[in-house]
Every structure is written in structure tokens, then in C-alpha cells.
Amino acid sequence: MSDALLNMLAEALAELVTVVETCDDETLDPDTALTWLESTAHTLSRLQAADRRTLDGLFREAALRQPPGPWREELLKVSQGFGLTQDPHQVRRDASGTPPGAPPRP
């Protein structure tokens, strides 16, 4: 996979997650948003440590390409929300198997 494609996919995912996180309840049903974010968090929780660091860096780079302001600040929260900034060997899961920072399963 080319670096350009990888960067664009990471940017698109970060933007999508941020839109979902910042939508009001009238625009996007909260249960739907929760399902989308939970599913994504579950998938990303299976990444190896090196890939977690790489994706964290790609999300941060995508955020920093935006002008300073609220949108950039929201984009900068994506990695932390998915637990990518934590050591996967130290990440504990709750009883539902949801990684810290991910929305709880309904």
C-alpha cells in the first residue's frame, strides 16, 4: 500500500470519526453512532503495537494539516479515543471486552 493511500485512509477515518463524535442527536442517532465507533474501536484494538503507533502518527499528521481551531482539536482526540496512545500490553479491557476509550457496548 502506498504512503499516499495510507495517509488518505487514515485522514478519511479520522474525519469520519470526528464527524460522528461531534454530531448532534437530531443529525445522527446516538445508538447508531455508538455502534459505528464501537465496531471501529474493536477492529483497531487488534493492531500490533507498531501498527498502533503508526496509525496514531497518521491520525496526528492528518489533524495537524488542518488549521488551528476546534476541528483540529477534535481530530487530535481520535487516537486517544481508540486507545492507540496506550501500550497494548498495559491496556486492560472491561468485562465486555471493550478497550478503554471506546464507547461501552450496549
C-alpha atoms as a PDB file:
ATOM      1  CA  MET A   1       0.000   0.000   0.000  1.00  0.00           C
ATOM      2  CA  SER A   2       1.416   3.370  -0.930  1.00  0.00           C
ATOM      3  CA  ASP A   3       2.103   6.037   1.691  1.00  0.00           C
ATOM      4  CA  ALA A   4      -0.327   8.374  -0.084  1.00  0.00           C
ATOM      5  CA  LEU A   5      -3.135   5.816   0.133  1.00  0.00           C
ATOM      6  CA  LEU A   6      -2.366   5.011   3.756  1.00  0.00           C
ATOM      7  CA  ASN A   7      -2.348   8.710   4.669  1.00  0.00           C
ATOM      8  CA  MET A   8      -5.634   9.342   2.861  1.00  0.00           C
ATOM      9  CA  LEU A   9      -7.337   6.359   4.512  1.00  0.00           C
ATOM     10  CA  ALA A  10      -6.179   7.477   7.956  1.00  0.00           C
ATOM     11  CA  GLU A  11      -7.326  11.034   7.274  1.00  0.00           C
ATOM     12  CA  ALA A  12     -10.707   9.854   5.986  1.00  0.00           C
ATOM     13  CA  LEU A  13     -11.223   7.637   9.050  1.00  0.00           C
ATOM     14  CA  ALA A  14     -10.198  10.415  11.444  1.00  0.00           C
ATOM     15  CA  GLU A  15     -12.580  12.842   9.740  1.00  0.00           C
ATOM     16  CA  LEU A  16     -15.446  10.334   9.774  1.00  0.00           C
ATOM     17  CA  VAL A  17     -14.931   9.527  13.448  1.00  0.00           C
ATOM     18  CA  THR A  18     -14.778  13.207  14.314  1.00  0.00           C
ATOM     19  CA  VAL A  19     -17.982  13.959  12.419  1.00  0.00           C
ATOM     20  CA  VAL A  20     -19.733  11.100  14.226  1.00  0.00           C
ATOM     21  CA  GLU A  21     -18.387  12.263  17.600  1.00  0.00           C
ATOM     22  CA  THR A  22     -19.484  15.860  17.059  1.00  0.00           C
ATOM     23  CA  CYS A  23     -22.929  15.258  15.517  1.00  0.00           C
ATOM     24  CA  ASP A  24     -25.968  16.256  17.461  1.00  0.00           C
ATOM     25  CA  ASP A  25     -28.661  13.709  18.271  1.00  0.00           C
ATOM     26  CA  GLU A  26     -31.011  15.058  15.610  1.00  0.00           C
ATOM     27  CA  THR A  27     -28.438  14.539  12.871  1.00  0.00           C
ATOM     28  CA  LEU A  28     -27.234  11.074  13.859  1.00  0.00           C
ATOM     29  CA  ASP A  29     -28.980   8.623  16.151  1.00  0.00           C
ATOM     30  CA  PRO A  30     -26.746   8.117  19.219  1.00  0.00           C
ATOM     31  CA  ASP A  31     -27.231   4.338  19.113  1.00  0.00           C
ATOM     32  CA  THR A  32     -26.045   4.252  15.511  1.00  0.00           C
ATOM     33  CA  ALA A  33     -23.039   6.419  16.347  1.00  0.00           C
ATOM     34  CA  LEU A  34     -22.186   4.164  19.272  1.00  0.00           C
ATOM     35  CA  THR A  35     -22.368   1.062  17.087  1.00  0.00           C
ATOM     36  CA  TRP A  36     -20.103   2.582  14.440  1.00  0.00           C
ATOM     37  CA  LEU A  37     -17.495   3.785  16.917  1.00  0.00           C
ATOM     38  CA  GLU A  38     -17.576   0.595  18.954  1.00  0.00           C
ATOM     39  CA  SER A  39     -17.082  -1.553  15.869  1.00  0.00           C
ATOM     40  CA  THR A  40     -14.154   0.586  14.728  1.00  0.00           C
ATOM     41  CA  ALA A  41     -12.587   0.531  18.199  1.00  0.00           C
ATOM     42  CA  HIS A  42     -12.881  -3.250  18.331  1.00  0.00           C
ATOM     43  CA  THR A  43     -11.152  -3.624  14.970  1.00  0.00           C
ATOM     44  CA  LEU A  44      -8.342  -1.215  15.863  1.00  0.00           C
ATOM     45  CA  SER A  45      -7.803  -2.881  19.248  1.00  0.00           C
ATOM     46  CA  ARG A  46      -6.404  -5.920  17.421  1.00  0.00           C
ATOM     47  CA  LEU A  47      -3.492  -3.982  15.894  1.00  0.00           C
ATOM     48  CA  GLN A  48       0.065  -4.821  16.901  1.00  0.00           C
ATOM     49  CA  ALA A  49       1.992  -2.187  18.881  1.00  0.00           C
ATOM     50  CA  ALA A  50       3.981  -0.932  15.873  1.00  0.00           C
ATOM     51  CA  ASP A  51       0.835  -0.526  13.789  1.00  0.00           C
ATOM     52  CA  ARG A  52      -0.910   1.260  16.679  1.00  0.00           C
ATOM     53  CA  ARG A  53       1.956   3.762  16.816  1.00  0.00           C
ATOM     54  CA  THR A  54       1.888   4.195  13.046  1.00  0.00           C
ATOM     55  CA  LEU A  55      -1.857   4.822  12.971  1.00  0.00           C
ATOM     56  CA  ASP A  56      -1.584   7.221  15.910  1.00  0.00           C
ATOM     57  CA  GLY A  57       1.046   9.159  13.961  1.00  0.00           C
ATOM     58  CA  LEU A  58      -1.072   9.183  10.812  1.00  0.00           C
ATOM     59  CA  PHE A  59      -4.105  10.480  12.734  1.00  0.00           C
ATOM     60  CA  ARG A  60      -1.983  13.212  14.344  1.00  0.00           C
ATOM     61  CA  GLU A  61      -0.456  14.211  10.996  1.00  0.00           C
ATOM     62  CA  ALA A  62      -3.931  14.433   9.462  1.00  0.00           C
ATOM     63  CA  ALA A  63      -5.096  16.636  12.325  1.00  0.00           C
ATOM     64  CA  LEU A  64      -2.081  18.918  12.081  1.00  0.00           C
ATOM     65  CA  ARG A  65      -2.742  19.516   8.370  1.00  0.00           C
ATOM     66  CA  GLN A  66      -5.910  21.350   9.444  1.00  0.00           C
ATOM     67  CA  PRO A  67      -5.786  24.988  10.501  1.00  0.00           C
ATOM     68  CA  PRO A  68      -5.629  25.585  14.256  1.00  0.00           C
ATOM     69  CA  GLY A  69      -9.049  25.599  15.866  1.00  0.00           C
ATOM     70  CA  PRO A  70     -11.845  23.412  17.215  1.00  0.00           C
ATOM     71  CA  TRP A  71     -11.880  20.970  14.281  1.00  0.00           C
ATOM     72  CA  ARG A  72      -8.156  20.264  14.624  1.00  0.00           C
ATOM     73  CA  GLU A  73      -8.582  19.801  18.371  1.00  0.00           C
ATOM     74  CA  GLU A  74     -11.346  17.241  17.813  1.00  0.00           C
ATOM     75  CA  LEU A  75      -9.216  15.379  15.242  1.00  0.00           C
ATOM     76  CA  LEU A  76      -6.353  15.228  17.731  1.00  0.00           C
ATOM     77  CA  LYS A  77      -8.608  13.238  20.105  1.00  0.00           C
ATOM     78  CA  VAL A  78      -9.173  10.335  17.686  1.00  0.00           C
ATOM     79  CA  SER A  79      -6.108   8.271  18.663  1.00  0.00           C
ATOM     80  CA  GLN A  80      -6.768   8.646  22.364  1.00  0.00           C
ATOM     81  CA  GLY A  81     -10.439   7.771  21.893  1.00  0.00           C
ATOM     82  CA  PHE A  82      -9.437   4.471  20.327  1.00  0.00           C
ATOM     83  CA  GLY A  83      -6.716   3.789  22.898  1.00  0.00           C
ATOM     84  CA  LEU A  84      -3.960   3.957  20.282  1.00  0.00           C
ATOM     85  CA  THR A  85      -1.751   6.081  22.506  1.00  0.00           C
ATOM     86  CA  GLN A  86      -1.615   3.375  25.189  1.00  0.00           C
ATOM     87  CA  ASP A  87       0.726   0.398  25.326  1.00  0.00           C
ATOM     88  CA  PRO A  88      -1.426  -2.532  24.154  1.00  0.00           C
ATOM     89  CA  HIS A  89       0.236  -4.792  26.755  1.00  0.00           C
ATOM     90  CA  GLN A  90      -0.957  -2.451  29.510  1.00  0.00           C
ATOM     91  CA  VAL A  91      -4.420  -1.872  28.094  1.00  0.00           C
ATOM     92  CA  ARG A  92      -6.985  -3.648  30.194  1.00  0.00           C
ATOM     93  CA  ARG A  93     -10.393  -4.468  28.881  1.00  0.00           C
ATOM     94  CA  ASP A  94     -13.545  -4.281  30.875  1.00  0.00           C
ATOM     95  CA  ALA A  95     -15.840  -7.286  31.218  1.00  0.00           C
ATOM     96  CA  SER A  96     -17.448  -6.600  27.829  1.00  0.00           C
ATOM     97  CA  GLY A  97     -14.086  -6.750  26.047  1.00  0.00           C
ATOM     98  CA  THR A  98     -14.225  -3.074  25.086  1.00  0.00           C
ATOM     99  CA  PRO A  99     -10.842  -1.302  25.056  1.00  0.00           C
ATOM    100  CA  PRO A 100     -10.501   1.770  27.285  1.00  0.00           C
ATOM    101  CA  GLY A 101     -11.540   4.924  25.468  1.00  0.00           C
ATOM    102  CA  ALA A 102     -14.020   3.075  23.280  1.00  0.00           C
ATOM    103  CA  PRO A 103     -17.695   3.586  23.833  1.00  0.00           C
ATOM    104  CA  PRO A 104     -19.207   0.874  26.024  1.00  0.00           C
ATOM    105  CA  ARG A 105     -21.192  -1.833  24.331  1.00  0.00           C
ATOM    106  CA  PRO A 106     -24.930  -1.540  24.777  1.00  0.00           C
END
